[in-house]
Each structure stands twice: as C-alpha cells, then as structure tokens.
Amino acid sequence: MDDLNALVTPNIGAIVIALAIAVIVLLVLVVVLFRRASAFERRFAGLTRGADGKSLEAILDAHLDKVYAVAREVDDLAARSAVLEQTQRRAFQRIGLVRFNPFEDTGGNQSFALALLDHHGDGFVISSLHARAGTRVYGKAIARGTSETTLSAEETEALRLALAMGAASGTDR
C-alpha cells in the first residue's frame, strides 16, 4: 500500500484534475443523452398518438377495419360482376343491318334486314319489305348463328355482319 501512496502522492493534483475533467465530460454526455432520449420520447409519443389523440393501436385497428370492409366490398362487386357478365351474354350485342330496295318501282332503300344476336349467336332476323301498297315485316329465329328457315340474300348479309361484329369485338369466347 505504501508503494501506491508513494506513486499517487506526488501526482495527486494531476489525477484530481483528470478525474474532474472526466466527470465534466461524463456530465455533458449524460445531458446530451438525456436530451436525445427526451426528443426520442416526444417523437415516439407523436408517432403512437394520431392527430386526433388516438393511440397507434387504435389507428391500426381502424385501418384494419377499413381493409376488411374494402375486401368485403370487392368480394361483393366480384359476385355482382359475375352475375352481370352472365346476364349480358343473353343480351343483344351483335347487330347487323342491311338496307335495300327490293322493288324497282319504289325509291330509296326503305326496306331492311336487321339481325339481333346475343353472345352465343342466338336471336332473330327481322326483315321489312317496303312497297307502295304497304310494308310487310318478317321474323326468323337464329340459333348458334344459323337459321332453320331459308334466309334471303339481305338477311344472310345482316346475319353475317352481326356474327362478324361479335368476332371483331372479342366477345366471341
């Protein structure tokens, strides 16, 4: 122990000054760390508390509720879309119209053949023959793009136009 006292006694002033400087440096570091911790706590509190004062957990719960509600709406819309798609396949979506003049004694193309078909090529062809004495209207059923009865040239052209319309629009799947 005497050796330690002999070593420390002549240098006691320098050791005290070095320890005092170390204490001051440590105090400065503690103050800096305290300020950083306080700033971190304020930022963390702001992060976990929304603008309306809710906690982060409440905000996340609200967002999850919205996500689940949107998922339910998407499922509902997908089901409704499937029903609409199935229904629209039966709607008239292929149309072919041919105007013509069947008689030489009448003016203008006032007669017509109109083909109305659904997605599958089912529907009918309506023909109107206009003459001076009157107008006659005929209807012929179409199944899968063909008719069981004979079609006139104009009716055949109207049917061809309607069928081509479905192929060109990409609805012929």
N, C-alpha and C. Protein backbone atom coordinates (compact mmCIF):
# COMPACT_ATOMS: atom_id res chain seq x y z
N MET A 1 0.82 -1.17 0.00
CA MET A 1 0.00 0.00 0.00
C MET A 1 0.88 1.26 0.00
N ASP A 2 2.00 1.16 0.68
CA ASP A 2 2.92 2.29 0.71
C ASP A 2 3.42 2.62 -0.70
N ASP A 3 3.58 1.61 -1.50
CA ASP A 3 4.04 1.85 -2.87
C ASP A 3 2.99 2.65 -3.66
N LEU A 4 1.74 2.34 -3.41
CA LEU A 4 0.66 3.04 -4.10
C LEU A 4 0.59 4.49 -3.63
N ASN A 5 0.72 4.72 -2.32
CA ASN A 5 0.72 6.08 -1.79
C ASN A 5 1.92 6.85 -2.34
N ALA A 6 3.04 6.22 -2.44
CA ALA A 6 4.24 6.88 -2.95
C ALA A 6 4.07 7.25 -4.42
N LEU A 7 3.32 6.48 -5.14
CA LEU A 7 3.10 6.73 -6.56
C LEU A 7 2.04 7.82 -6.75
N VAL A 8 1.02 7.84 -5.94
CA VAL A 8 -0.11 8.75 -6.12
C VAL A 8 0.18 10.11 -5.51
N THR A 9 0.82 10.20 -4.36
CA THR A 9 1.01 11.44 -3.62
C THR A 9 1.67 12.52 -4.47
N PRO A 10 2.78 12.28 -5.18
CA PRO A 10 3.35 13.38 -5.94
C PRO A 10 2.45 13.81 -7.11
N ASN A 11 1.57 12.96 -7.61
CA ASN A 11 0.75 13.27 -8.79
C ASN A 11 -0.72 13.51 -8.42
N ILE A 12 -1.03 13.74 -7.20
CA ILE A 12 -2.42 13.85 -6.76
C ILE A 12 -3.14 15.00 -7.44
N GLY A 13 -2.49 16.10 -7.65
CA GLY A 13 -3.12 17.25 -8.30
C GLY A 13 -3.53 16.93 -9.73
N ALA A 14 -2.63 16.27 -10.49
CA ALA A 14 -2.91 15.92 -11.90
C ALA A 14 -4.03 14.88 -11.98
N ILE A 15 -4.04 13.94 -11.03
CA ILE A 15 -5.08 12.90 -11.02
C ILE A 15 -6.45 13.53 -10.72
N VAL A 16 -6.50 14.46 -9.78
CA VAL A 16 -7.77 15.12 -9.43
C VAL A 16 -8.28 15.93 -10.62
N ILE A 17 -7.38 16.63 -11.28
CA ILE A 17 -7.78 17.43 -12.46
C ILE A 17 -8.29 16.50 -13.56
N ALA A 18 -7.59 15.39 -13.81
CA ALA A 18 -8.02 14.43 -14.84
C ALA A 18 -9.37 13.83 -14.48
N LEU A 19 -9.57 13.49 -13.21
CA LEU A 19 -10.86 12.93 -12.80
C LEU A 19 -11.97 13.98 -12.88
N ALA A 20 -11.67 15.23 -12.56
CA ALA A 20 -12.66 16.30 -12.66
C ALA A 20 -13.07 16.50 -14.12
N ILE A 21 -12.08 16.48 -15.02
CA ILE A 21 -12.38 16.62 -16.46
C ILE A 21 -13.23 15.44 -16.92
N ALA A 22 -12.88 14.24 -16.47
CA ALA A 22 -13.67 13.06 -16.84
C ALA A 22 -15.10 13.17 -16.35
N VAL A 23 -15.29 13.67 -15.12
CA VAL A 23 -16.63 13.84 -14.57
C VAL A 23 -17.41 14.87 -15.38
N ILE A 24 -16.76 15.97 -15.76
CA ILE A 24 -17.43 17.01 -16.55
C ILE A 24 -17.83 16.45 -17.92
N VAL A 25 -16.91 15.73 -18.56
CA VAL A 25 -17.21 15.12 -19.87
C VAL A 25 -18.38 14.15 -19.73
N LEU A 26 -18.37 13.34 -18.68
CA LEU A 26 -19.46 12.39 -18.46
C LEU A 26 -20.78 13.11 -18.19
N LEU A 27 -20.72 14.23 -17.43
CA LEU A 27 -21.94 15.00 -17.20
C LEU A 27 -22.49 15.58 -18.50
N VAL A 28 -21.58 16.10 -19.34
CA VAL A 28 -22.00 16.63 -20.64
C VAL A 28 -22.64 15.52 -21.48
N LEU A 29 -22.03 14.34 -21.50
CA LEU A 29 -22.59 13.21 -22.24
C LEU A 29 -23.95 12.80 -21.68
N VAL A 30 -24.11 12.82 -20.37
CA VAL A 30 -25.40 12.48 -19.75
C VAL A 30 -26.46 13.49 -20.19
N VAL A 31 -26.11 14.79 -20.20
CA VAL A 31 -27.07 15.82 -20.62
C VAL A 31 -27.46 15.62 -22.08
N VAL A 32 -26.45 15.37 -22.94
CA VAL A 32 -26.74 15.14 -24.37
C VAL A 32 -27.62 13.92 -24.54
N LEU A 33 -27.30 12.83 -23.86
CA LEU A 33 -28.11 11.61 -23.97
C LEU A 33 -29.52 11.83 -23.42
N PHE A 34 -29.64 12.62 -22.35
CA PHE A 34 -30.95 12.92 -21.78
C PHE A 34 -31.81 13.69 -22.79
N ARG A 35 -31.19 14.68 -23.45
CA ARG A 35 -31.92 15.45 -24.46
C ARG A 35 -32.34 14.58 -25.63
N ARG A 36 -31.44 13.72 -26.07
CA ARG A 36 -31.77 12.81 -27.17
C ARG A 36 -32.89 11.87 -26.78
N ALA A 37 -32.84 11.35 -25.57
CA ALA A 37 -33.90 10.45 -25.08
C ALA A 37 -35.22 11.18 -24.99
N SER A 38 -35.20 12.43 -24.54
CA SER A 38 -36.42 13.23 -24.45
C SER A 38 -37.00 13.48 -25.84
N ALA A 39 -36.12 13.82 -26.79
CA ALA A 39 -36.58 14.05 -28.17
C ALA A 39 -37.16 12.76 -28.75
N PHE A 40 -36.50 11.64 -28.49
CA PHE A 40 -36.99 10.35 -28.96
C PHE A 40 -38.35 10.05 -28.35
N GLU A 41 -38.53 10.30 -27.07
CA GLU A 41 -39.81 10.05 -26.41
C GLU A 41 -40.91 10.91 -27.01
N ARG A 42 -40.61 12.18 -27.31
CA ARG A 42 -41.61 13.06 -27.93
C ARG A 42 -41.99 12.55 -29.32
N ARG A 43 -40.98 12.16 -30.10
CA ARG A 43 -41.27 11.63 -31.44
C ARG A 43 -42.04 10.33 -31.37
N PHE A 44 -41.69 9.46 -30.47
CA PHE A 44 -42.38 8.18 -30.31
C PHE A 44 -43.82 8.41 -29.85
N ALA A 45 -44.01 9.36 -28.93
CA ALA A 45 -45.36 9.67 -28.47
C ALA A 45 -46.19 10.25 -29.62
N GLY A 46 -45.57 11.09 -30.45
CA GLY A 46 -46.27 11.64 -31.61
C GLY A 46 -46.60 10.57 -32.63
N LEU A 47 -45.71 9.60 -32.76
CA LEU A 47 -45.94 8.51 -33.70
C LEU A 47 -47.06 7.60 -33.23
N THR A 48 -47.08 7.32 -31.98
CA THR A 48 -48.08 6.39 -31.45
C THR A 48 -49.39 7.08 -31.10
N ARG A 49 -49.44 8.38 -31.25
CA ARG A 49 -50.67 9.11 -30.98
C ARG A 49 -50.99 9.90 -32.25
N GLY A 50 -52.13 9.63 -32.84
CA GLY A 50 -52.50 10.29 -34.08
C GLY A 50 -52.84 11.74 -33.86
N ALA A 51 -53.24 12.41 -34.93
CA ALA A 51 -53.56 13.83 -34.87
C ALA A 51 -54.76 14.08 -33.96
N ASP A 52 -55.66 13.11 -33.90
CA ASP A 52 -56.84 13.29 -33.05
C ASP A 52 -56.65 12.70 -31.67
N GLY A 53 -55.42 12.36 -31.30
CA GLY A 53 -55.11 11.89 -29.96
C GLY A 53 -55.28 10.40 -29.76
N LYS A 54 -55.58 9.65 -30.81
CA LYS A 54 -55.73 8.20 -30.68
C LYS A 54 -54.37 7.55 -30.59
N SER A 55 -54.35 6.38 -30.01
CA SER A 55 -53.09 5.64 -29.93
C SER A 55 -52.82 4.95 -31.27
N LEU A 56 -51.60 4.54 -31.45
CA LEU A 56 -51.23 3.84 -32.68
C LEU A 56 -52.05 2.57 -32.84
N GLU A 57 -52.32 1.88 -31.75
CA GLU A 57 -53.12 0.66 -31.80
C GLU A 57 -54.53 0.96 -32.31
N ALA A 58 -55.13 2.06 -31.84
CA ALA A 58 -56.47 2.42 -32.29
C ALA A 58 -56.47 2.78 -33.77
N ILE A 59 -55.42 3.47 -34.20
CA ILE A 59 -55.32 3.85 -35.61
C ILE A 59 -55.17 2.61 -36.48
N LEU A 60 -54.31 1.68 -36.06
CA LEU A 60 -54.13 0.44 -36.82
C LEU A 60 -55.41 -0.39 -36.85
N ASP A 61 -56.15 -0.44 -35.73
CA ASP A 61 -57.42 -1.16 -35.71
C ASP A 61 -58.41 -0.54 -36.69
N ALA A 62 -58.45 0.79 -36.73
CA ALA A 62 -59.35 1.47 -37.66
C ALA A 62 -58.96 1.16 -39.11
N HIS A 63 -57.65 1.15 -39.38
CA HIS A 63 -57.21 0.84 -40.74
C HIS A 63 -57.52 -0.61 -41.10
N LEU A 64 -57.34 -1.52 -40.17
CA LEU A 64 -57.67 -2.92 -40.43
C LEU A 64 -59.17 -3.09 -40.70
N ASP A 65 -59.99 -2.38 -39.94
CA ASP A 65 -61.44 -2.44 -40.18
C ASP A 65 -61.76 -1.96 -41.58
N LYS A 66 -61.08 -0.88 -42.02
CA LYS A 66 -61.30 -0.38 -43.38
C LYS A 66 -60.84 -1.39 -44.42
N VAL A 67 -59.72 -2.03 -44.18
CA VAL A 67 -59.21 -3.03 -45.12
C VAL A 67 -60.19 -4.18 -45.24
N TYR A 68 -60.71 -4.66 -44.11
CA TYR A 68 -61.69 -5.75 -44.15
C TYR A 68 -62.97 -5.31 -44.84
N ALA A 69 -63.40 -4.06 -44.62
CA ALA A 69 -64.61 -3.56 -45.28
C ALA A 69 -64.40 -3.49 -46.79
N VAL A 70 -63.23 -3.01 -47.21
CA VAL A 70 -62.93 -2.94 -48.65
C VAL A 70 -62.87 -4.34 -49.25
N ALA A 71 -62.29 -5.28 -48.53
CA ALA A 71 -62.22 -6.67 -49.03
C ALA A 71 -63.62 -7.23 -49.20
N ARG A 72 -64.51 -6.95 -48.25
CA ARG A 72 -65.90 -7.42 -48.39
C ARG A 72 -66.57 -6.77 -49.59
N GLU A 73 -66.33 -5.48 -49.79
CA GLU A 73 -66.91 -4.79 -50.95
C GLU A 73 -66.38 -5.35 -52.26
N VAL A 74 -65.09 -5.65 -52.31
CA VAL A 74 -64.51 -6.22 -53.52
C VAL A 74 -65.13 -7.59 -53.80
N ASP A 75 -65.31 -8.40 -52.77
CA ASP A 75 -65.96 -9.70 -52.96
C ASP A 75 -67.38 -9.54 -53.46
N ASP A 76 -68.11 -8.56 -52.89
CA ASP A 76 -69.48 -8.30 -53.31
C ASP A 76 -69.51 -7.83 -54.76
N LEU A 77 -68.60 -6.93 -55.13
CA LEU A 77 -68.54 -6.44 -56.50
C LEU A 77 -68.15 -7.55 -57.48
N ALA A 78 -67.27 -8.44 -57.06
CA ALA A 78 -66.89 -9.56 -57.94
C ALA A 78 -68.09 -10.47 -58.18
N ALA A 79 -68.88 -10.73 -57.14
CA ALA A 79 -70.07 -11.57 -57.30
C ALA A 79 -71.09 -10.87 -58.21
N ARG A 80 -71.29 -9.58 -57.99
CA ARG A 80 -72.24 -8.84 -58.83
C ARG A 80 -71.76 -8.78 -60.27
N SER A 81 -70.46 -8.61 -60.45
CA SER A 81 -69.89 -8.56 -61.80
C SER A 81 -70.10 -9.89 -62.52
N ALA A 82 -69.93 -11.00 -61.80
CA ALA A 82 -70.14 -12.31 -62.41
C ALA A 82 -71.59 -12.47 -62.85
N VAL A 83 -72.52 -12.01 -62.03
CA VAL A 83 -73.94 -12.09 -62.40
C VAL A 83 -74.21 -11.23 -63.62
N LEU A 84 -73.68 -10.00 -63.63
CA LEU A 84 -73.88 -9.12 -64.78
C LEU A 84 -73.27 -9.69 -66.05
N GLU A 85 -72.09 -10.27 -65.92
CA GLU A 85 -71.44 -10.85 -67.10
C GLU A 85 -72.27 -12.00 -67.66
N GLN A 86 -72.79 -12.83 -66.77
CA GLN A 86 -73.63 -13.95 -67.21
C GLN A 86 -74.90 -13.43 -67.88
N THR A 87 -75.48 -12.37 -67.31
CA THR A 87 -76.72 -11.80 -67.86
C THR A 87 -76.46 -11.15 -69.21
N GLN A 88 -75.35 -10.44 -69.33
CA GLN A 88 -75.09 -9.73 -70.58
C GLN A 88 -74.84 -10.67 -71.75
N ARG A 89 -74.47 -11.90 -71.48
CA ARG A 89 -74.26 -12.85 -72.57
C ARG A 89 -75.58 -13.15 -73.29
N ARG A 90 -76.70 -12.96 -72.59
CA ARG A 90 -78.01 -13.19 -73.20
C ARG A 90 -78.57 -11.92 -73.84
N ALA A 91 -77.92 -10.77 -73.66
CA ALA A 91 -78.39 -9.51 -74.23
C ALA A 91 -77.95 -9.41 -75.69
N PHE A 92 -78.70 -8.66 -76.47
CA PHE A 92 -78.31 -8.44 -77.85
C PHE A 92 -77.03 -7.63 -77.87
N GLN A 93 -75.99 -8.18 -78.47
CA GLN A 93 -74.72 -7.48 -78.56
C GLN A 93 -74.11 -7.57 -79.95
N ARG A 94 -74.73 -8.32 -80.81
CA ARG A 94 -74.28 -8.43 -82.20
C ARG A 94 -75.43 -7.95 -83.08
N ILE A 95 -75.17 -6.93 -83.83
CA ILE A 95 -76.23 -6.31 -84.62
C ILE A 95 -75.73 -6.15 -86.05
N GLY A 96 -76.56 -6.57 -86.98
CA GLY A 96 -76.25 -6.38 -88.40
C GLY A 96 -77.45 -5.79 -89.10
N LEU A 97 -77.24 -4.71 -89.84
CA LEU A 97 -78.34 -4.03 -90.54
C LEU A 97 -77.97 -3.87 -92.00
N VAL A 98 -78.90 -4.29 -92.87
CA VAL A 98 -78.72 -4.13 -94.32
C VAL A 98 -79.98 -3.43 -94.84
N ARG A 99 -79.78 -2.28 -95.45
CA ARG A 99 -80.91 -1.58 -96.10
C ARG A 99 -80.84 -1.89 -97.59
N PHE A 100 -82.03 -2.05 -98.19
CA PHE A 100 -82.05 -2.40 -99.61
C PHE A 100 -83.37 -1.97 -100.22
N ASN A 101 -83.41 -2.05 -101.56
CA ASN A 101 -84.60 -1.71 -102.34
C ASN A 101 -85.05 -2.98 -103.05
N PRO A 102 -86.10 -3.68 -102.57
CA PRO A 102 -86.49 -4.95 -103.17
C PRO A 102 -87.27 -4.80 -104.48
N PHE A 103 -87.87 -3.64 -104.71
CA PHE A 103 -88.70 -3.46 -105.89
C PHE A 103 -88.18 -2.27 -106.68
N GLU A 104 -88.25 -2.39 -107.98
CA GLU A 104 -87.71 -1.32 -108.81
C GLU A 104 -88.64 -0.11 -108.88
N ASP A 105 -89.91 -0.29 -108.53
CA ASP A 105 -90.86 0.81 -108.67
C ASP A 105 -90.93 1.72 -107.43
N THR A 106 -90.14 1.42 -106.41
CA THR A 106 -90.14 2.28 -105.22
C THR A 106 -88.78 2.96 -105.12
N GLY A 107 -88.75 4.12 -104.53
CA GLY A 107 -87.50 4.86 -104.41
C GLY A 107 -86.86 4.66 -103.04
N GLY A 108 -85.57 4.72 -103.01
CA GLY A 108 -84.83 4.67 -101.75
C GLY A 108 -84.72 3.27 -101.18
N ASN A 109 -83.82 3.13 -100.27
CA ASN A 109 -83.60 1.85 -99.58
C ASN A 109 -84.40 1.86 -98.28
N GLN A 110 -85.71 1.75 -98.40
CA GLN A 110 -86.56 1.81 -97.23
C GLN A 110 -86.84 0.43 -96.64
N SER A 111 -86.45 -0.62 -97.31
CA SER A 111 -86.56 -1.97 -96.76
C SER A 111 -85.27 -2.29 -96.02
N PHE A 112 -85.38 -3.22 -95.08
CA PHE A 112 -84.18 -3.56 -94.32
C PHE A 112 -84.26 -4.98 -93.79
N ALA A 113 -83.08 -5.52 -93.47
CA ALA A 113 -82.95 -6.78 -92.74
C ALA A 113 -82.09 -6.46 -91.52
N LEU A 114 -82.60 -6.80 -90.33
CA LEU A 114 -81.92 -6.49 -89.08
C LEU A 114 -81.71 -7.78 -88.30
N ALA A 115 -80.44 -8.11 -88.03
CA ALA A 115 -80.11 -9.30 -87.24
C ALA A 115 -79.73 -8.84 -85.84
N LEU A 116 -80.37 -9.42 -84.83
CA LEU A 116 -80.08 -9.13 -83.42
C LEU A 116 -79.71 -10.45 -82.75
N LEU A 117 -78.44 -10.54 -82.31
CA LEU A 117 -77.94 -11.79 -81.74
C LEU A 117 -77.30 -11.54 -80.39
N ASP A 118 -77.31 -12.57 -79.54
CA ASP A 118 -76.62 -12.49 -78.26
C ASP A 118 -75.20 -13.03 -78.42
N HIS A 119 -74.51 -13.21 -77.31
CA HIS A 119 -73.12 -13.67 -77.31
C HIS A 119 -72.96 -15.02 -78.01
N HIS A 120 -73.94 -15.88 -77.87
CA HIS A 120 -73.85 -17.24 -78.43
C HIS A 120 -74.33 -17.32 -79.87
N GLY A 121 -74.78 -16.20 -80.44
CA GLY A 121 -75.28 -16.22 -81.81
C GLY A 121 -76.75 -16.59 -81.88
N ASP A 122 -77.45 -16.51 -80.76
CA ASP A 122 -78.89 -16.78 -80.72
C ASP A 122 -79.64 -15.46 -80.82
N GLY A 123 -80.76 -15.47 -81.53
CA GLY A 123 -81.57 -14.26 -81.67
C GLY A 123 -82.53 -14.39 -82.82
N PHE A 124 -82.64 -13.34 -83.61
CA PHE A 124 -83.56 -13.37 -84.74
C PHE A 124 -83.16 -12.35 -85.77
N VAL A 125 -83.73 -12.53 -86.97
CA VAL A 125 -83.57 -11.58 -88.07
C VAL A 125 -84.95 -11.04 -88.38
N ILE A 126 -85.08 -9.73 -88.41
CA ILE A 126 -86.33 -9.08 -88.78
C ILE A 126 -86.12 -8.46 -90.16
N SER A 127 -87.06 -8.72 -91.05
CA SER A 127 -86.99 -8.13 -92.38
C SER A 127 -88.23 -7.29 -92.60
N SER A 128 -88.04 -6.15 -93.22
CA SER A 128 -89.15 -5.27 -93.58
C SER A 128 -89.06 -5.01 -95.07
N LEU A 129 -90.13 -5.36 -95.78
CA LEU A 129 -90.19 -5.12 -97.22
C LEU A 129 -91.18 -4.01 -97.46
N HIS A 130 -90.66 -2.88 -97.93
CA HIS A 130 -91.49 -1.71 -98.15
C HIS A 130 -91.86 -1.61 -99.63
N ALA A 131 -93.15 -1.49 -99.88
CA ALA A 131 -93.65 -1.30 -101.25
C ALA A 131 -94.66 -0.16 -101.21
N ARG A 132 -95.11 0.26 -102.39
CA ARG A 132 -96.09 1.35 -102.44
C ARG A 132 -97.40 0.93 -101.78
N ALA A 133 -97.74 -0.31 -101.92
CA ALA A 133 -99.02 -0.78 -101.40
C ALA A 133 -98.97 -1.03 -99.90
N GLY A 134 -97.79 -1.14 -99.30
CA GLY A 134 -97.70 -1.40 -97.88
C GLY A 134 -96.34 -1.94 -97.49
N THR A 135 -96.20 -2.23 -96.23
CA THR A 135 -94.95 -2.75 -95.72
C THR A 135 -95.23 -4.06 -95.02
N ARG A 136 -94.40 -5.05 -95.29
CA ARG A 136 -94.54 -6.36 -94.64
C ARG A 136 -93.30 -6.60 -93.78
N VAL A 137 -93.53 -7.18 -92.60
CA VAL A 137 -92.45 -7.45 -91.67
C VAL A 137 -92.40 -8.95 -91.41
N TYR A 138 -91.18 -9.51 -91.45
CA TYR A 138 -90.99 -10.94 -91.23
C TYR A 138 -89.93 -11.14 -90.14
N GLY A 139 -90.08 -12.19 -89.38
CA GLY A 139 -89.09 -12.52 -88.36
C GLY A 139 -88.67 -13.97 -88.48
N LYS A 140 -87.38 -14.23 -88.33
CA LYS A 140 -86.85 -15.59 -88.42
C LYS A 140 -85.89 -15.83 -87.26
N ALA A 141 -86.07 -16.95 -86.61
CA ALA A 141 -85.24 -17.29 -85.45
C ALA A 141 -83.85 -17.71 -85.90
N ILE A 142 -82.87 -17.37 -85.08
CA ILE A 142 -81.47 -17.74 -85.32
C ILE A 142 -80.97 -18.46 -84.08
N ALA A 143 -80.37 -19.63 -84.27
CA ALA A 143 -79.78 -20.39 -83.16
C ALA A 143 -78.35 -20.74 -83.52
N ARG A 144 -77.41 -20.33 -82.66
CA ARG A 144 -75.97 -20.59 -82.87
C ARG A 144 -75.49 -20.09 -84.23
N GLY A 145 -76.05 -18.96 -84.68
CA GLY A 145 -75.58 -18.33 -85.91
C GLY A 145 -76.19 -18.87 -87.17
N THR A 146 -77.16 -19.79 -87.06
CA THR A 146 -77.79 -20.33 -88.26
C THR A 146 -79.31 -20.29 -88.11
N SER A 147 -79.98 -20.32 -89.25
CA SER A 147 -81.44 -20.30 -89.26
C SER A 147 -81.96 -21.62 -89.81
N GLU A 148 -83.07 -22.09 -89.23
CA GLU A 148 -83.70 -23.31 -89.76
C GLU A 148 -84.45 -23.03 -91.04
N THR A 149 -84.87 -21.77 -91.23
CA THR A 149 -85.57 -21.40 -92.45
C THR A 149 -84.60 -20.73 -93.41
N THR A 150 -84.98 -20.69 -94.64
CA THR A 150 -84.13 -20.09 -95.66
C THR A 150 -84.12 -18.57 -95.49
N LEU A 151 -82.93 -18.00 -95.59
CA LEU A 151 -82.77 -16.55 -95.46
C LEU A 151 -82.57 -15.94 -96.83
N SER A 152 -83.10 -14.74 -97.01
CA SER A 152 -82.85 -14.01 -98.26
C SER A 152 -81.39 -13.57 -98.27
N ALA A 153 -80.96 -13.03 -99.39
CA ALA A 153 -79.57 -12.57 -99.51
C ALA A 153 -79.32 -11.43 -98.52
N GLU A 154 -80.28 -10.53 -98.36
CA GLU A 154 -80.12 -9.40 -97.44
C GLU A 154 -80.11 -9.89 -95.99
N GLU A 155 -80.98 -10.84 -95.67
CA GLU A 155 -81.00 -11.39 -94.32
C GLU A 155 -79.70 -12.13 -94.02
N THR A 156 -79.19 -12.86 -95.00
CA THR A 156 -77.92 -13.56 -94.83
C THR A 156 -76.78 -12.56 -94.59
N GLU A 157 -76.80 -11.45 -95.33
CA GLU A 157 -75.78 -10.42 -95.15
C GLU A 157 -75.89 -9.77 -93.76
N ALA A 158 -77.11 -9.50 -93.32
CA ALA A 158 -77.31 -8.91 -91.98
C ALA A 158 -76.80 -9.88 -90.91
N LEU A 159 -77.08 -11.16 -91.08
CA LEU A 159 -76.60 -12.18 -90.14
C LEU A 159 -75.07 -12.25 -90.16
N ARG A 160 -74.49 -12.20 -91.35
CA ARG A 160 -73.03 -12.22 -91.46
C ARG A 160 -72.41 -11.02 -90.76
N LEU A 161 -72.99 -9.83 -90.95
CA LEU A 161 -72.48 -8.62 -90.30
C LEU A 161 -72.57 -8.74 -88.77
N ALA A 162 -73.67 -9.28 -88.28
CA ALA A 162 -73.84 -9.43 -86.83
C ALA A 162 -72.82 -10.41 -86.27
N LEU A 163 -72.64 -11.52 -86.94
CA LEU A 163 -71.66 -12.51 -86.46
C LEU A 163 -70.24 -11.96 -86.53
N ALA A 164 -69.95 -11.19 -87.57
CA ALA A 164 -68.62 -10.59 -87.68
C ALA A 164 -68.40 -9.55 -86.59
N MET A 165 -69.44 -8.86 -86.19
CA MET A 165 -69.33 -7.87 -85.13
C MET A 165 -68.88 -8.53 -83.84
N GLY A 166 -69.41 -9.68 -83.52
CA GLY A 166 -69.02 -10.39 -82.30
C GLY A 166 -67.58 -10.85 -82.35
N ALA A 167 -67.14 -11.31 -83.52
CA ALA A 167 -65.75 -11.78 -83.65
C ALA A 167 -64.78 -10.62 -83.59
N ALA A 168 -65.16 -9.48 -84.18
CA ALA A 168 -64.25 -8.33 -84.19
C ALA A 168 -64.11 -7.68 -82.84
N SER A 169 -65.19 -7.72 -82.01
CA SER A 169 -65.12 -7.05 -80.71
C SER A 169 -64.51 -7.91 -79.64
N GLY A 170 -64.22 -9.17 -79.95
CA GLY A 170 -63.57 -10.03 -78.96
C GLY A 170 -64.54 -10.68 -78.00
N THR A 171 -65.85 -10.55 -78.27
CA THR A 171 -66.84 -11.15 -77.36
C THR A 171 -67.09 -12.59 -77.70
N ASP A 172 -66.52 -13.07 -78.77
CA ASP A 172 -66.76 -14.44 -79.20
C ASP A 172 -65.80 -15.38 -78.49
N ARG A 173 -66.06 -15.70 -77.25
CA ARG A 173 -65.16 -16.55 -76.46
C ARG A 173 -65.76 -17.89 -76.24
